[in-house]
Amino acid sequence: ADQRDDLVYNRDVGEAVFRAATVATLSAHVFHIGTGRLSGLGEVTEALRKICPDLKVSIGPGLDYYGGTIGSYCCFDIGQAREVLGYAPRYDLAKGVHDYAELLKLLDLTPGVA
């Protein structure tokens, strides 16, 4: 739960791809797409519990969920994407989790979720 990375929602990634494909001229060809802030799996479970209060999930402590001994953090500098593409993430972690849960309900993939 202590590991933190730039967790970006797929709708923001899609928006960035669309912008890159349709911008009139590109002054760069490589962009970091993210939120520009660090989030952790503990925050994901908090967001899920707001939607499903009875959720039985726990994320243990630690810095590296890949099993290494040294935690590393990854926070993208999205400045070039902002400048060239006009990209700005619309979903923070909680909003992205909520939006995804709503999509699952719409598709009737979450029976019993209120």
Protein backbone atom coordinates (compact mmCIF):
# COMPACT_ATOMS: atom_id res chain seq x y z
CA ALA A 1 0.00 0.00 0.00
CA ASP A 2 2.97 2.31 0.36
CA GLN A 3 4.14 2.06 -3.25
CA ARG A 4 3.09 5.14 -5.22
CA ASP A 5 2.93 5.62 -8.96
CA ASP A 6 1.25 7.88 -11.49
CA LEU A 7 -1.99 5.90 -11.90
CA VAL A 8 -3.85 7.24 -14.92
CA TYR A 9 -7.41 6.40 -15.95
CA ASN A 10 -7.92 4.87 -19.39
CA ARG A 11 -10.33 7.61 -20.52
CA ASP A 12 -7.59 10.19 -19.98
CA VAL A 13 -5.18 8.04 -21.99
CA GLY A 14 -7.76 7.79 -24.77
CA GLU A 15 -8.20 11.56 -24.76
CA ALA A 16 -4.43 12.02 -25.07
CA VAL A 17 -4.20 9.56 -27.96
CA PHE A 18 -7.05 11.32 -29.76
CA ARG A 19 -5.38 14.70 -29.25
CA ALA A 20 -2.03 13.40 -30.53
CA ALA A 21 -3.72 11.93 -33.61
CA THR A 22 -5.66 15.09 -34.45
CA VAL A 23 -3.42 18.00 -33.49
CA ALA A 24 -2.55 20.18 -36.48
CA THR A 25 1.23 20.16 -36.00
CA LEU A 26 3.45 18.34 -33.55
CA SER A 27 6.55 20.00 -32.14
CA ALA A 28 7.31 16.77 -30.27
CA HIS A 29 6.63 13.09 -30.88
CA VAL A 30 6.98 11.60 -27.40
CA PHE A 31 4.65 12.49 -24.55
CA HIS A 32 4.26 11.29 -20.99
CA ILE A 33 0.60 10.71 -20.29
CA GLY A 34 -0.43 10.49 -16.67
CA THR A 35 -1.91 12.59 -13.93
CA GLY A 36 1.27 14.28 -12.81
CA ARG A 37 0.73 13.08 -9.23
CA LEU A 38 1.50 9.99 -7.19
CA SER A 39 -1.22 7.63 -5.97
CA GLY A 40 -1.07 4.27 -4.26
CA LEU A 41 -3.03 1.06 -4.09
CA GLY A 42 -4.22 2.07 -0.63
CA GLU A 43 -6.00 5.02 -2.26
CA VAL A 44 -7.56 2.65 -4.79
CA THR A 45 -9.05 0.55 -1.98
CA GLU A 46 -10.32 3.72 -0.24
CA ALA A 47 -12.06 4.79 -3.45
CA LEU A 48 -13.53 1.31 -3.87
CA ARG A 49 -14.84 1.30 -0.30
CA LYS A 50 -16.76 4.51 -0.97
CA ILE A 51 -18.60 2.65 -3.72
CA CYS A 52 -18.78 -0.75 -1.97
CA PRO A 53 -18.64 -0.13 1.80
CA ASP A 54 -18.66 -3.88 2.57
CA LEU A 55 -15.65 -4.56 0.34
CA LYS A 56 -13.30 -7.11 1.91
CA VAL A 57 -9.92 -6.16 0.42
CA SER A 58 -6.69 -5.36 2.13
CA ILE A 59 -3.44 -4.17 0.64
CA GLY A 60 -0.44 -4.93 2.79
CA PRO A 61 2.34 -2.51 3.56
CA GLY A 62 5.41 -2.25 1.41
CA LEU A 63 7.05 -0.29 -1.33
CA ASP A 64 7.43 -2.79 -4.14
CA TYR A 65 4.53 -4.97 -5.21
CA TYR A 66 6.78 -6.62 -7.79
CA GLY A 67 8.76 -8.34 -5.06
CA GLY A 68 12.02 -6.37 -5.19
CA THR A 69 13.72 -4.87 -2.20
CA ILE A 70 13.75 -1.23 -3.30
CA GLY A 71 10.62 0.76 -4.00
CA SER A 72 10.61 3.08 -6.95
CA TYR A 73 8.16 5.78 -7.76
CA CYS A 74 7.01 6.91 -11.16
CA CYS A 75 5.39 10.30 -11.59
CA PHE A 76 5.19 11.53 -15.16
CA ASP A 77 6.04 15.06 -16.21
CA ILE A 78 3.01 15.82 -18.38
CA GLY A 79 4.09 19.37 -19.20
CA GLN A 80 4.89 18.68 -22.84
CA ALA A 81 1.53 16.92 -23.35
CA ARG A 82 -0.20 19.92 -21.76
CA GLU A 83 1.69 22.37 -23.95
CA VAL A 84 1.62 20.59 -27.31
CA LEU A 85 -1.60 18.56 -27.10
CA GLY A 86 -3.63 20.66 -24.70
CA TYR A 87 -3.89 17.52 -22.53
CA ALA A 88 -5.12 17.78 -18.98
CA PRO A 89 -6.26 14.74 -17.02
CA ARG A 90 -9.97 14.91 -16.17
CA TYR A 91 -10.00 11.99 -13.72
CA ASP A 92 -8.23 11.83 -10.41
CA LEU A 93 -7.98 8.38 -8.86
CA ALA A 94 -11.30 8.49 -6.97
CA LYS A 95 -13.19 9.91 -9.95
CA GLY A 96 -11.70 7.28 -12.27
CA VAL A 97 -12.65 4.41 -9.94
CA HIS A 98 -16.17 5.83 -9.61
CA ASP A 99 -16.54 6.25 -13.39
CA TYR A 100 -15.36 2.68 -14.01
CA ALA A 101 -17.78 1.31 -11.41
CA GLU A 102 -20.62 3.20 -13.09
CA LEU A 103 -19.63 1.71 -16.44
CA LEU A 104 -19.66 -1.80 -14.95
CA LYS A 105 -23.13 -1.17 -13.52
CA LEU A 106 -24.34 0.14 -16.87
CA LEU A 107 -23.03 -3.01 -18.54
CA ASP A 108 -24.64 -5.06 -15.76
CA LEU A 109 -21.28 -6.57 -14.80
CA THR A 110 -21.54 -5.85 -11.07
CA PRO A 111 -24.57 -7.70 -9.69
CA GLY A 112 -25.37 -6.66 -6.16
CA VAL A 113 -23.31 -3.46 -6.14
CA ALA A 114 -25.33 -0.49 -4.94
